[in-house]
N, C-alpha and C. Protein backbone atom coordinates (compact mmCIF):
# COMPACT_ATOMS: atom_id res chain seq x y z
N MET A 1 3.76 -0.56 23.49
CA MET A 1 3.10 -1.13 22.32
C MET A 1 3.66 -0.49 21.06
N THR A 2 4.05 -1.30 20.10
CA THR A 2 4.60 -0.79 18.85
C THR A 2 3.51 -0.23 17.95
N GLY A 3 3.94 0.50 16.92
CA GLY A 3 2.95 1.05 15.99
C GLY A 3 2.14 -0.03 15.31
N GLU A 4 2.79 -1.14 14.97
CA GLU A 4 2.06 -2.24 14.32
C GLU A 4 1.08 -2.88 15.29
N GLU A 5 1.46 -3.00 16.55
CA GLU A 5 0.55 -3.57 17.55
C GLU A 5 -0.66 -2.66 17.77
N ARG A 6 -0.45 -1.36 17.77
CA ARG A 6 -1.56 -0.42 17.91
C ARG A 6 -2.50 -0.53 16.71
N MET A 7 -1.92 -0.69 15.53
CA MET A 7 -2.72 -0.82 14.33
C MET A 7 -3.60 -2.08 14.40
N ARG A 8 -3.00 -3.18 14.81
CA ARG A 8 -3.76 -4.44 14.90
C ARG A 8 -4.86 -4.35 15.96
N ALA A 9 -4.56 -3.67 17.08
CA ALA A 9 -5.57 -3.52 18.13
C ALA A 9 -6.74 -2.67 17.64
N ALA A 10 -6.44 -1.61 16.89
CA ALA A 10 -7.51 -0.78 16.33
C ALA A 10 -8.37 -1.57 15.35
N GLU A 11 -7.74 -2.40 14.53
CA GLU A 11 -8.47 -3.21 13.58
C GLU A 11 -9.37 -4.23 14.28
N ALA A 12 -8.85 -4.81 15.35
CA ALA A 12 -9.62 -5.81 16.09
C ALA A 12 -10.88 -5.21 16.70
N ALA A 13 -10.85 -3.90 16.96
CA ALA A 13 -12.00 -3.23 17.59
C ALA A 13 -13.10 -2.90 16.59
N VAL A 14 -12.81 -3.04 15.29
CA VAL A 14 -13.81 -2.75 14.26
C VAL A 14 -14.02 -3.99 13.41
N PRO A 15 -15.08 -4.75 13.65
CA PRO A 15 -15.32 -5.97 12.86
C PRO A 15 -15.60 -5.63 11.39
N VAL A 16 -15.30 -6.56 10.51
CA VAL A 16 -15.50 -6.34 9.08
C VAL A 16 -16.98 -6.10 8.77
N SER A 17 -17.85 -6.69 9.54
CA SER A 17 -19.29 -6.46 9.33
C SER A 17 -19.62 -4.99 9.49
N MET A 18 -18.96 -4.32 10.43
CA MET A 18 -19.17 -2.88 10.61
C MET A 18 -18.57 -2.10 9.44
N LEU A 19 -17.38 -2.51 9.00
CA LEU A 19 -16.77 -1.85 7.84
C LEU A 19 -17.73 -1.86 6.66
N ARG A 20 -18.37 -3.00 6.46
CA ARG A 20 -19.28 -3.14 5.31
C ARG A 20 -20.54 -2.33 5.44
N GLU A 21 -20.89 -1.94 6.67
CA GLU A 21 -22.00 -1.02 6.86
C GLU A 21 -21.59 0.40 6.50
N LEU A 22 -20.32 0.71 6.70
CA LEU A 22 -19.85 2.07 6.56
C LEU A 22 -19.27 2.41 5.20
N LEU A 23 -18.67 1.41 4.52
CA LEU A 23 -17.88 1.70 3.33
C LEU A 23 -18.17 0.72 2.20
N ASP A 24 -18.03 1.21 0.98
CA ASP A 24 -18.02 0.36 -0.21
C ASP A 24 -16.61 0.39 -0.79
N TYR A 25 -16.21 -0.72 -1.37
CA TYR A 25 -14.87 -0.82 -1.99
C TYR A 25 -15.01 -1.29 -3.42
N ASP A 26 -14.34 -0.61 -4.32
CA ASP A 26 -14.32 -0.98 -5.73
C ASP A 26 -12.97 -1.66 -6.01
N PRO A 27 -12.96 -2.99 -6.17
CA PRO A 27 -11.68 -3.68 -6.37
C PRO A 27 -11.01 -3.35 -7.69
N GLU A 28 -11.75 -2.81 -8.66
CA GLU A 28 -11.17 -2.48 -9.96
C GLU A 28 -10.40 -1.17 -9.95
N THR A 29 -10.83 -0.22 -9.13
CA THR A 29 -10.15 1.07 -9.05
C THR A 29 -9.40 1.25 -7.73
N GLY A 30 -9.77 0.45 -6.73
CA GLY A 30 -9.14 0.59 -5.41
C GLY A 30 -9.78 1.66 -4.54
N GLY A 31 -10.86 2.25 -5.02
CA GLY A 31 -11.47 3.36 -4.29
C GLY A 31 -12.42 2.92 -3.18
N LEU A 32 -12.45 3.69 -2.10
CA LEU A 32 -13.39 3.51 -1.01
C LEU A 32 -14.40 4.66 -1.07
N THR A 33 -15.67 4.35 -0.83
CA THR A 33 -16.70 5.40 -0.76
C THR A 33 -17.56 5.17 0.46
N TRP A 34 -18.06 6.27 1.00
CA TRP A 34 -18.90 6.19 2.20
C TRP A 34 -20.31 5.71 1.83
N ARG A 35 -20.84 4.79 2.62
CA ARG A 35 -22.21 4.35 2.48
C ARG A 35 -23.11 5.25 3.34
N PRO A 36 -24.40 5.31 3.02
CA PRO A 36 -25.33 6.07 3.87
C PRO A 36 -25.37 5.48 5.27
N ARG A 37 -25.55 6.34 6.27
CA ARG A 37 -25.65 5.88 7.65
C ARG A 37 -27.05 6.09 8.19
N HIS A 38 -27.40 5.27 9.18
CA HIS A 38 -28.71 5.38 9.81
C HIS A 38 -28.55 5.87 11.26
N GLU A 39 -29.65 6.05 11.93
CA GLU A 39 -29.61 6.61 13.29
C GLU A 39 -28.79 5.77 14.24
N GLY A 40 -28.79 4.45 14.02
CA GLY A 40 -28.06 3.57 14.93
C GLY A 40 -26.58 3.84 14.96
N HIS A 41 -26.03 4.42 13.90
CA HIS A 41 -24.61 4.74 13.87
C HIS A 41 -24.27 5.95 14.73
N PHE A 42 -25.31 6.67 15.18
CA PHE A 42 -25.10 7.85 16.01
C PHE A 42 -25.91 7.73 17.31
N ALA A 43 -25.96 6.51 17.84
CA ALA A 43 -26.79 6.23 19.01
C ALA A 43 -26.41 7.07 20.22
N GLY A 44 -25.15 7.47 20.33
CA GLY A 44 -24.71 8.25 21.49
C GLY A 44 -24.95 9.74 21.37
N ALA A 45 -25.41 10.19 20.22
CA ALA A 45 -25.61 11.62 19.98
C ALA A 45 -26.98 12.07 20.49
N LYS A 46 -27.12 13.38 20.72
CA LYS A 46 -28.39 13.92 21.21
C LYS A 46 -29.48 13.82 20.14
N ASN A 47 -29.09 13.96 18.90
CA ASN A 47 -30.05 13.91 17.79
C ASN A 47 -29.55 12.96 16.71
N PRO A 48 -29.70 11.64 16.94
CA PRO A 48 -29.18 10.66 15.98
C PRO A 48 -29.70 10.86 14.55
N ALA A 49 -30.97 11.17 14.43
CA ALA A 49 -31.57 11.35 13.10
C ALA A 49 -30.92 12.53 12.38
N GLY A 50 -30.70 13.60 13.11
CA GLY A 50 -30.09 14.78 12.52
C GLY A 50 -28.64 14.53 12.11
N HIS A 51 -27.90 13.80 12.95
CA HIS A 51 -26.52 13.48 12.62
C HIS A 51 -26.45 12.60 11.37
N ALA A 52 -27.35 11.62 11.29
CA ALA A 52 -27.37 10.73 10.14
C ALA A 52 -27.68 11.51 8.86
N ALA A 53 -28.68 12.41 8.95
CA ALA A 53 -29.06 13.20 7.78
C ALA A 53 -27.91 14.10 7.34
N ALA A 54 -27.21 14.69 8.31
CA ALA A 54 -26.10 15.59 7.98
C ALA A 54 -24.95 14.82 7.35
N PHE A 55 -24.67 13.64 7.90
CA PHE A 55 -23.59 12.84 7.33
C PHE A 55 -23.92 12.44 5.90
N ASN A 56 -25.12 11.95 5.69
CA ASN A 56 -25.51 11.45 4.37
C ASN A 56 -25.51 12.55 3.31
N SER A 57 -25.92 13.73 3.69
CA SER A 57 -25.97 14.83 2.72
C SER A 57 -24.56 15.29 2.34
N THR A 58 -23.60 15.09 3.23
CA THR A 58 -22.23 15.57 3.00
C THR A 58 -21.32 14.49 2.43
N PHE A 59 -21.45 13.25 2.94
CA PHE A 59 -20.45 12.22 2.63
C PHE A 59 -20.96 11.00 1.85
N ALA A 60 -22.20 10.62 2.02
CA ALA A 60 -22.68 9.37 1.41
C ALA A 60 -22.45 9.35 -0.09
N GLY A 61 -21.82 8.26 -0.58
CA GLY A 61 -21.56 8.09 -1.99
C GLY A 61 -20.30 8.79 -2.48
N ARG A 62 -19.60 9.45 -1.57
CA ARG A 62 -18.40 10.18 -1.96
C ARG A 62 -17.13 9.44 -1.52
N PRO A 63 -16.00 9.76 -2.15
CA PRO A 63 -14.74 9.07 -1.79
C PRO A 63 -14.41 9.22 -0.32
N ALA A 64 -13.93 8.14 0.26
CA ALA A 64 -13.56 8.14 1.68
C ALA A 64 -12.04 8.11 1.81
N GLY A 65 -11.53 8.90 2.75
CA GLY A 65 -10.11 8.87 3.03
C GLY A 65 -9.35 10.05 2.45
N CYS A 66 -8.07 10.10 2.79
CA CYS A 66 -7.20 11.18 2.33
C CYS A 66 -5.77 10.65 2.24
N PHE A 67 -4.90 11.45 1.65
CA PHE A 67 -3.52 11.05 1.45
C PHE A 67 -2.67 11.50 2.64
N ASN A 68 -1.87 10.59 3.19
CA ASN A 68 -0.95 10.92 4.27
C ASN A 68 0.41 11.22 3.67
N THR A 69 0.81 12.47 3.72
CA THR A 69 2.06 12.89 3.08
C THR A 69 3.29 12.29 3.78
N HIS A 70 3.14 11.91 5.04
CA HIS A 70 4.27 11.34 5.78
C HIS A 70 4.56 9.89 5.38
N THR A 71 3.49 9.09 5.25
CA THR A 71 3.66 7.67 4.95
C THR A 71 3.55 7.36 3.46
N GLY A 72 2.87 8.23 2.71
CA GLY A 72 2.64 7.97 1.29
C GLY A 72 1.46 7.07 1.02
N TYR A 73 0.70 6.71 2.08
CA TYR A 73 -0.46 5.84 1.93
C TYR A 73 -1.75 6.67 2.02
N GLN A 74 -2.82 6.09 1.48
CA GLN A 74 -4.16 6.62 1.73
C GLN A 74 -4.60 6.15 3.11
N GLN A 75 -5.37 6.97 3.81
CA GLN A 75 -5.89 6.58 5.11
C GLN A 75 -7.34 7.04 5.24
N VAL A 76 -8.08 6.38 6.12
CA VAL A 76 -9.48 6.72 6.32
C VAL A 76 -9.78 6.71 7.82
N SER A 77 -10.58 7.67 8.27
CA SER A 77 -10.93 7.79 9.67
C SER A 77 -12.24 7.08 9.94
N ILE A 78 -12.21 6.15 10.88
CA ILE A 78 -13.41 5.40 11.27
C ILE A 78 -13.53 5.47 12.78
N PHE A 79 -14.62 6.07 13.24
CA PHE A 79 -14.84 6.24 14.68
C PHE A 79 -13.64 6.93 15.34
N ASP A 80 -13.16 7.98 14.69
CA ASP A 80 -12.06 8.80 15.20
C ASP A 80 -10.72 8.07 15.28
N ARG A 81 -10.58 6.97 14.55
CA ARG A 81 -9.32 6.26 14.47
C ARG A 81 -8.91 6.16 13.01
N LEU A 82 -7.61 6.33 12.76
CA LEU A 82 -7.12 6.29 11.40
C LEU A 82 -6.71 4.87 11.00
N PHE A 83 -7.15 4.46 9.83
CA PHE A 83 -6.82 3.14 9.29
C PHE A 83 -6.22 3.33 7.90
N ARG A 84 -5.23 2.51 7.57
CA ARG A 84 -4.68 2.57 6.22
C ARG A 84 -5.69 1.99 5.23
N SER A 85 -5.94 2.73 4.18
CA SER A 85 -7.01 2.37 3.25
C SER A 85 -6.79 1.01 2.59
N HIS A 86 -5.52 0.66 2.30
CA HIS A 86 -5.29 -0.63 1.64
C HIS A 86 -5.63 -1.81 2.55
N ARG A 87 -5.50 -1.64 3.86
CA ARG A 87 -5.86 -2.71 4.79
C ARG A 87 -7.39 -2.81 4.91
N VAL A 88 -8.04 -1.66 4.91
CA VAL A 88 -9.51 -1.65 4.90
C VAL A 88 -10.03 -2.29 3.62
N ALA A 89 -9.41 -1.95 2.49
CA ALA A 89 -9.81 -2.53 1.22
C ALA A 89 -9.70 -4.04 1.24
N TYR A 90 -8.58 -4.53 1.75
CA TYR A 90 -8.38 -5.99 1.82
C TYR A 90 -9.46 -6.63 2.68
N ALA A 91 -9.74 -6.03 3.83
CA ALA A 91 -10.74 -6.58 4.75
C ALA A 91 -12.11 -6.62 4.10
N LEU A 92 -12.48 -5.56 3.38
CA LEU A 92 -13.78 -5.54 2.72
C LEU A 92 -13.88 -6.59 1.63
N ALA A 93 -12.77 -6.81 0.93
CA ALA A 93 -12.77 -7.78 -0.19
C ALA A 93 -12.77 -9.22 0.31
N HIS A 94 -12.06 -9.49 1.39
CA HIS A 94 -11.86 -10.88 1.84
C HIS A 94 -12.64 -11.27 3.09
N GLY A 95 -13.27 -10.30 3.74
CA GLY A 95 -14.09 -10.63 4.91
C GLY A 95 -13.31 -10.77 6.20
N CYS A 96 -12.02 -10.40 6.20
CA CYS A 96 -11.21 -10.47 7.42
C CYS A 96 -10.06 -9.48 7.30
N TRP A 97 -9.60 -9.00 8.43
CA TRP A 97 -8.43 -8.14 8.42
C TRP A 97 -7.20 -8.96 8.05
N PRO A 98 -6.27 -8.37 7.32
CA PRO A 98 -5.06 -9.12 6.98
C PRO A 98 -4.24 -9.42 8.23
N GLY A 99 -3.78 -10.64 8.36
CA GLY A 99 -3.02 -11.02 9.55
C GLY A 99 -1.58 -10.55 9.52
N ARG A 100 -1.14 -10.14 8.32
CA ARG A 100 0.24 -9.70 8.19
C ARG A 100 0.29 -8.38 7.41
N GLN A 101 1.44 -8.04 6.88
CA GLN A 101 1.57 -6.80 6.13
C GLN A 101 0.92 -6.93 4.73
N ILE A 102 0.57 -5.78 4.17
CA ILE A 102 0.06 -5.74 2.80
C ILE A 102 1.11 -5.07 1.92
N ASP A 103 1.47 -5.73 0.85
CA ASP A 103 2.45 -5.20 -0.10
C ASP A 103 1.73 -4.72 -1.35
N HIS A 104 2.09 -3.52 -1.80
CA HIS A 104 1.60 -3.03 -3.09
C HIS A 104 2.57 -3.57 -4.14
N LYS A 105 2.11 -4.46 -4.98
CA LYS A 105 2.99 -5.17 -5.91
C LYS A 105 3.79 -4.22 -6.80
N ASN A 106 3.14 -3.17 -7.30
CA ASN A 106 3.83 -2.27 -8.23
C ASN A 106 4.56 -1.12 -7.54
N GLY A 107 4.52 -1.11 -6.22
CA GLY A 107 5.24 -0.07 -5.48
C GLY A 107 4.50 1.24 -5.34
N VAL A 108 3.32 1.37 -5.95
CA VAL A 108 2.54 2.60 -5.84
C VAL A 108 1.63 2.47 -4.62
N ARG A 109 1.94 3.20 -3.57
CA ARG A 109 1.26 3.02 -2.30
C ARG A 109 -0.19 3.47 -2.29
N THR A 110 -0.59 4.23 -3.29
CA THR A 110 -1.98 4.66 -3.38
C THR A 110 -2.79 3.81 -4.34
N ASP A 111 -2.16 2.84 -4.96
CA ASP A 111 -2.86 1.95 -5.91
C ASP A 111 -3.44 0.77 -5.12
N ASN A 112 -4.66 0.95 -4.66
CA ASN A 112 -5.30 -0.04 -3.80
C ASN A 112 -6.24 -0.98 -4.53
N ARG A 113 -6.03 -1.14 -5.84
CA ARG A 113 -6.79 -2.15 -6.56
C ARG A 113 -6.49 -3.52 -5.96
N LEU A 114 -7.49 -4.38 -5.91
CA LEU A 114 -7.32 -5.69 -5.27
C LEU A 114 -6.20 -6.49 -5.91
N ALA A 115 -6.05 -6.37 -7.24
CA ALA A 115 -5.01 -7.12 -7.96
C ALA A 115 -3.61 -6.66 -7.58
N ASN A 116 -3.50 -5.48 -6.96
CA ASN A 116 -2.19 -4.93 -6.60
C ASN A 116 -1.83 -5.18 -5.14
N LEU A 117 -2.72 -5.81 -4.40
CA LEU A 117 -2.49 -6.02 -2.96
C LEU A 117 -2.22 -7.50 -2.67
N ARG A 118 -1.23 -7.76 -1.85
CA ARG A 118 -0.95 -9.13 -1.44
C ARG A 118 -0.48 -9.15 0.01
N VAL A 119 -0.86 -10.17 0.73
CA VAL A 119 -0.44 -10.34 2.12
C VAL A 119 0.94 -10.98 2.14
N VAL A 120 1.88 -10.38 2.88
CA VAL A 120 3.25 -10.89 2.92
C VAL A 120 3.79 -10.78 4.34
N ASP A 121 4.89 -11.49 4.59
CA ASP A 121 5.60 -11.28 5.85
C ASP A 121 6.59 -10.13 5.66
N ASN A 122 7.23 -9.74 6.73
CA ASN A 122 8.14 -8.60 6.69
C ASN A 122 9.29 -8.82 5.72
N ALA A 123 9.82 -10.04 5.70
CA ALA A 123 10.97 -10.33 4.83
C ALA A 123 10.58 -10.20 3.37
N THR A 124 9.42 -10.73 2.99
CA THR A 124 8.98 -10.65 1.60
C THR A 124 8.70 -9.21 1.19
N ASN A 125 8.11 -8.45 2.10
CA ASN A 125 7.83 -7.05 1.82
C ASN A 125 9.13 -6.29 1.59
N GLY A 126 10.17 -6.66 2.31
CA GLY A 126 11.46 -6.02 2.16
C GLY A 126 12.16 -6.33 0.87
N ARG A 127 11.67 -7.36 0.16
CA ARG A 127 12.28 -7.72 -1.12
C ARG A 127 11.56 -7.12 -2.31
N ASN A 128 10.68 -6.16 -2.02
CA ASN A 128 9.97 -5.46 -3.10
C ASN A 128 9.87 -3.98 -2.75
N LYS A 129 11.00 -3.32 -2.69
CA LYS A 129 11.04 -1.91 -2.32
C LYS A 129 11.69 -1.07 -3.41
N ALA A 130 11.36 0.22 -3.36
CA ALA A 130 11.98 1.16 -4.29
C ALA A 130 13.38 1.51 -3.81
N LYS A 131 14.15 2.07 -4.69
CA LYS A 131 15.50 2.50 -4.36
C LYS A 131 15.44 3.68 -3.38
N PHE A 132 16.29 3.64 -2.37
CA PHE A 132 16.34 4.74 -1.40
C PHE A 132 16.83 6.02 -2.10
N SER A 133 16.29 7.16 -1.65
CA SER A 133 16.68 8.43 -2.26
C SER A 133 18.16 8.75 -2.00
N SER A 134 18.73 8.16 -0.94
CA SER A 134 20.13 8.42 -0.62
C SER A 134 21.10 7.60 -1.46
N ASN A 135 20.57 6.67 -2.26
CA ASN A 135 21.43 5.83 -3.09
C ASN A 135 22.15 6.67 -4.15
N SER A 136 23.45 6.53 -4.22
CA SER A 136 24.23 7.33 -5.18
C SER A 136 24.83 6.51 -6.31
N SER A 137 24.76 5.17 -6.19
CA SER A 137 25.36 4.33 -7.23
C SER A 137 24.40 4.08 -8.39
N GLY A 138 23.09 4.25 -8.11
CA GLY A 138 22.09 3.95 -9.13
C GLY A 138 21.61 2.52 -9.08
N PHE A 139 22.17 1.72 -8.14
CA PHE A 139 21.77 0.33 -8.02
C PHE A 139 21.67 -0.03 -6.53
N THR A 140 20.50 -0.47 -6.09
CA THR A 140 20.32 -0.82 -4.68
C THR A 140 21.22 -1.98 -4.30
N GLY A 141 21.91 -1.80 -3.20
CA GLY A 141 22.82 -2.84 -2.72
C GLY A 141 24.28 -2.60 -3.07
N VAL A 142 24.53 -1.51 -3.79
CA VAL A 142 25.90 -1.18 -4.19
C VAL A 142 26.24 0.25 -3.74
N SER A 143 27.40 0.40 -3.11
CA SER A 143 27.85 1.72 -2.67
C SER A 143 29.35 1.84 -2.88
N TRP A 144 29.84 3.07 -2.89
CA TRP A 144 31.27 3.33 -3.10
C TRP A 144 32.01 3.28 -1.77
N ASN A 145 33.04 2.46 -1.69
CA ASN A 145 33.86 2.36 -0.50
C ASN A 145 35.09 3.26 -0.65
N LYS A 146 35.07 4.38 0.05
CA LYS A 146 36.13 5.37 -0.12
C LYS A 146 37.49 4.82 0.29
N LYS A 147 37.52 4.01 1.35
CA LYS A 147 38.80 3.52 1.87
C LYS A 147 39.51 2.62 0.84
N SER A 148 38.75 1.72 0.24
CA SER A 148 39.35 0.79 -0.72
C SER A 148 39.32 1.30 -2.15
N GLN A 149 38.53 2.38 -2.36
CA GLN A 149 38.33 2.92 -3.71
C GLN A 149 37.75 1.86 -4.66
N LYS A 150 36.81 1.09 -4.12
CA LYS A 150 36.12 0.07 -4.90
C LYS A 150 34.63 0.11 -4.60
N TRP A 151 33.88 -0.64 -5.42
CA TRP A 151 32.44 -0.74 -5.21
C TRP A 151 32.15 -1.87 -4.25
N GLN A 152 31.33 -1.57 -3.25
CA GLN A 152 30.98 -2.55 -2.22
C GLN A 152 29.55 -3.04 -2.44
N ALA A 153 29.36 -4.35 -2.34
CA ALA A 153 28.03 -4.93 -2.59
C ALA A 153 27.51 -5.65 -1.35
N HIS A 154 26.20 -5.55 -1.14
CA HIS A 154 25.57 -6.26 -0.04
C HIS A 154 24.11 -6.55 -0.38
N VAL A 155 23.56 -7.55 0.27
CA VAL A 155 22.15 -7.91 0.11
C VAL A 155 21.57 -8.22 1.48
N THR A 156 20.35 -7.78 1.73
CA THR A 156 19.68 -8.08 2.98
C THR A 156 18.91 -9.40 2.84
N ILE A 157 19.23 -10.35 3.73
CA ILE A 157 18.58 -11.66 3.70
C ILE A 157 18.05 -11.95 5.10
N ASP A 158 16.73 -12.15 5.18
CA ASP A 158 16.08 -12.43 6.46
C ASP A 158 16.44 -11.38 7.52
N GLY A 159 16.44 -10.13 7.11
CA GLY A 159 16.68 -9.04 8.02
C GLY A 159 18.13 -8.74 8.33
N LYS A 160 19.04 -9.52 7.81
CA LYS A 160 20.47 -9.32 8.06
C LYS A 160 21.17 -8.90 6.77
N GLN A 161 22.04 -7.90 6.89
CA GLN A 161 22.77 -7.45 5.71
C GLN A 161 24.00 -8.34 5.48
N GLU A 162 24.02 -8.97 4.32
CA GLU A 162 25.09 -9.89 3.97
C GLU A 162 26.08 -9.19 3.04
N TYR A 163 27.33 -9.19 3.42
CA TYR A 163 28.40 -8.54 2.65
C TYR A 163 28.84 -9.46 1.52
N LEU A 164 28.88 -8.92 0.29
CA LEU A 164 29.23 -9.73 -0.88
C LEU A 164 30.64 -9.45 -1.39
N GLY A 165 31.28 -8.40 -0.91
CA GLY A 165 32.65 -8.14 -1.32
C GLY A 165 32.85 -6.80 -2.00
N LEU A 166 34.10 -6.57 -2.40
CA LEU A 166 34.49 -5.34 -3.09
C LEU A 166 34.80 -5.65 -4.55
N PHE A 167 34.45 -4.72 -5.43
CA PHE A 167 34.59 -4.97 -6.87
C PHE A 167 35.17 -3.73 -7.56
N GLU A 168 35.90 -3.99 -8.61
CA GLU A 168 36.54 -2.90 -9.34
C GLU A 168 35.52 -2.05 -10.09
N SER A 169 34.49 -2.68 -10.62
CA SER A 169 33.51 -1.94 -11.43
C SER A 169 32.12 -2.01 -10.81
N LEU A 170 31.36 -0.98 -11.10
CA LEU A 170 29.97 -0.93 -10.63
C LEU A 170 29.16 -2.07 -11.23
N SER A 171 29.37 -2.36 -12.51
CA SER A 171 28.60 -3.40 -13.17
C SER A 171 28.86 -4.77 -12.56
N GLU A 172 30.11 -5.02 -12.15
CA GLU A 172 30.43 -6.31 -11.54
C GLU A 172 29.76 -6.43 -10.17
N ALA A 173 29.78 -5.36 -9.38
CA ALA A 173 29.13 -5.38 -8.07
C ALA A 173 27.62 -5.58 -8.23
N ALA A 174 27.03 -4.84 -9.18
CA ALA A 174 25.60 -4.95 -9.42
C ALA A 174 25.23 -6.34 -9.89
N ALA A 175 26.04 -6.97 -10.72
CA ALA A 175 25.76 -8.31 -11.21
C ALA A 175 25.73 -9.32 -10.06
N ASN A 176 26.66 -9.19 -9.12
CA ASN A 176 26.70 -10.11 -7.98
C ASN A 176 25.48 -9.93 -7.09
N VAL A 177 25.06 -8.70 -6.89
CA VAL A 177 23.85 -8.44 -6.11
C VAL A 177 22.65 -9.06 -6.80
N ARG A 178 22.58 -8.89 -8.12
CA ARG A 178 21.44 -9.40 -8.88
C ARG A 178 21.34 -10.93 -8.79
N ILE A 179 22.46 -11.60 -8.85
CA ILE A 179 22.49 -13.06 -8.78
C ILE A 179 21.97 -13.56 -7.43
N VAL A 180 22.43 -12.94 -6.36
CA VAL A 180 22.00 -13.34 -5.02
C VAL A 180 20.50 -13.07 -4.83
N ARG A 181 20.02 -11.95 -5.38
CA ARG A 181 18.60 -11.63 -5.27
C ARG A 181 17.74 -12.70 -5.96
N GLU A 182 18.17 -13.12 -7.12
CA GLU A 182 17.42 -14.13 -7.86
C GLU A 182 17.30 -15.42 -7.07
N VAL A 183 18.38 -15.78 -6.40
CA VAL A 183 18.42 -17.03 -5.61
C VAL A 183 17.55 -16.92 -4.35
N THR A 184 17.52 -15.71 -3.76
CA THR A 184 16.83 -15.55 -2.48
C THR A 184 15.39 -15.02 -2.61
N GLY A 185 14.88 -14.93 -3.82
CA GLY A 185 13.46 -14.62 -4.01
C GLY A 185 13.06 -13.16 -4.04
N TYR A 186 13.98 -12.28 -4.38
CA TYR A 186 13.62 -10.87 -4.51
C TYR A 186 12.72 -10.66 -5.73
N ASP A 187 11.83 -9.67 -5.63
CA ASP A 187 11.03 -9.29 -6.79
C ASP A 187 11.92 -8.68 -7.85
N ASP A 188 11.54 -8.87 -9.11
CA ASP A 188 12.32 -8.32 -10.22
C ASP A 188 12.41 -6.80 -10.16
N ASP A 189 11.37 -6.17 -9.59
CA ASP A 189 11.34 -4.70 -9.57
C ASP A 189 11.97 -4.10 -8.32
N HIS A 190 12.54 -4.94 -7.45
CA HIS A 190 13.18 -4.39 -6.25
C HIS A 190 14.29 -3.43 -6.64
N GLY A 191 14.33 -2.28 -5.95
CA GLY A 191 15.34 -1.28 -6.26
C GLY A 191 14.94 -0.35 -7.38
N ARG A 192 13.67 -0.41 -7.80
CA ARG A 192 13.19 0.47 -8.85
C ARG A 192 13.16 1.92 -8.35
N GLU A 193 13.00 2.83 -9.27
CA GLU A 193 12.84 4.23 -8.90
C GLU A 193 11.49 4.42 -8.22
N ASN A 194 11.42 5.35 -7.27
CA ASN A 194 10.14 5.67 -6.67
C ASN A 194 9.21 6.26 -7.73
N PRO A 195 7.94 5.86 -7.72
CA PRO A 195 7.02 6.40 -8.73
C PRO A 195 6.85 7.90 -8.58
N THR A 196 6.86 8.61 -9.68
CA THR A 196 6.64 10.05 -9.67
C THR A 196 5.15 10.34 -9.49
N PRO A 197 4.80 11.56 -9.07
CA PRO A 197 3.38 11.90 -8.94
C PRO A 197 2.61 11.67 -10.25
N ASP A 198 3.25 11.98 -11.39
CA ASP A 198 2.59 11.76 -12.67
C ASP A 198 2.34 10.28 -12.93
N ALA A 199 3.29 9.43 -12.53
CA ALA A 199 3.14 7.99 -12.72
C ALA A 199 2.00 7.46 -11.87
N VAL A 200 1.90 7.95 -10.64
CA VAL A 200 0.82 7.55 -9.74
C VAL A 200 -0.53 7.97 -10.32
N LEU A 201 -0.58 9.20 -10.83
CA LEU A 201 -1.82 9.71 -11.42
C LEU A 201 -2.22 8.87 -12.62
N GLU A 202 -1.25 8.46 -13.42
CA GLU A 202 -1.52 7.66 -14.60
C GLU A 202 -2.08 6.29 -14.23
N VAL A 203 -1.57 5.69 -13.15
CA VAL A 203 -2.09 4.41 -12.68
C VAL A 203 -3.56 4.56 -12.31
N ASN A 204 -3.88 5.62 -11.59
CA ASN A 204 -5.28 5.85 -11.19
C ASN A 204 -6.17 6.09 -12.38
N ARG A 205 -5.68 6.87 -13.34
CA ARG A 205 -6.47 7.15 -14.55
C ARG A 205 -6.72 5.88 -15.36
N SER A 206 -5.68 5.06 -15.48
CA SER A 206 -5.79 3.83 -16.27
C SER A 206 -6.81 2.88 -15.64
N ALA A 207 -6.79 2.78 -14.30
CA ALA A 207 -7.72 1.88 -13.62
C ALA A 207 -9.16 2.36 -13.84
N LEU A 208 -9.39 3.67 -13.75
CA LEU A 208 -10.73 4.21 -13.95
C LEU A 208 -11.17 4.05 -15.39
N ALA A 209 -10.26 4.27 -16.34
CA ALA A 209 -10.60 4.14 -17.75
C ALA A 209 -10.95 2.70 -18.10
N ALA A 210 -10.21 1.75 -17.52
CA ALA A 210 -10.47 0.33 -17.79
C ALA A 210 -11.84 -0.06 -17.25
N LYS A 211 -12.21 0.46 -16.09
CA LYS A 211 -13.51 0.14 -15.53
C LYS A 211 -14.64 0.72 -16.42
N ARG A 212 -14.45 1.94 -16.87
CA ARG A 212 -15.47 2.55 -17.72
C ARG A 212 -15.62 1.80 -19.03
N ALA A 213 -14.51 1.31 -19.56
CA ALA A 213 -14.54 0.55 -20.82
C ALA A 213 -15.32 -0.76 -20.64
N ARG A 214 -15.05 -1.44 -19.51
CA ARG A 214 -15.77 -2.70 -19.23
C ARG A 214 -17.26 -2.46 -19.03
N LYS A 215 -17.58 -1.34 -18.39
CA LYS A 215 -18.99 -1.01 -18.17
C LYS A 215 -19.69 -0.70 -19.48
N ALA A 216 -18.98 0.00 -20.39
CA ALA A 216 -19.56 0.33 -21.68
C ALA A 216 -19.79 -0.92 -22.51
N GLU A 217 -18.84 -1.87 -22.46
CA GLU A 217 -18.97 -3.13 -23.19
C GLU A 217 -20.15 -3.93 -22.66
N SER A 218 -20.29 -3.93 -21.33
CA SER A 218 -21.41 -4.68 -20.72
C SER A 218 -22.74 -4.08 -21.10
N THR A 219 -22.81 -2.74 -21.14
CA THR A 219 -24.06 -2.05 -21.51
C THR A 219 -24.41 -2.31 -22.97
N ALA A 220 -23.38 -2.31 -23.82
CA ALA A 220 -23.60 -2.53 -25.26
C ALA A 220 -24.08 -3.95 -25.53
N ALA A 221 -23.58 -4.91 -24.73
CA ALA A 221 -23.97 -6.30 -24.92
C ALA A 221 -25.41 -6.52 -24.50
């Protein structure tokens, strides 16, 4: 069983109705918070009431999940199984688990605001990625060919790497890659720099500030 198949099997075992008993989701900030639990959530324990009281005093109303340094995503543990927070967020917002992959539109993997999440297939997700850290040309899809002493260009289309040729200048190679991307539906931001920690923090701060501003306006009205 592949990692994606295991993920889908884990999701199938937790209905969205149960998610909604356990978690709240704020679509404006992307945050998940734990809801209070009752004795029924600890039916297998020796002291369900005590477990519920302990959980609520420690976790209820507080942020749920943590950052996975390996994947770069937020994750949350539900019934001793780890789920990616953006997939949980989507399920809570739409009432069903996403049938395919979830793409973060702006490339910030911790930005789980609903407006930043979209369901895509693997090919579409691959057309909205940051530049690989190993890239030395400064432009995704272009590399230096030592043998020919020219710039080599390629584009991935439907999972296959398509060779575009050799070029004398980096700008010419990059221009050819850009043209093919436009025709084949790549996102404009594909090949962008990976967001820095400060940029990620700024996204989160901006989302929270915008929510507070809307709340203040609503209260004033």
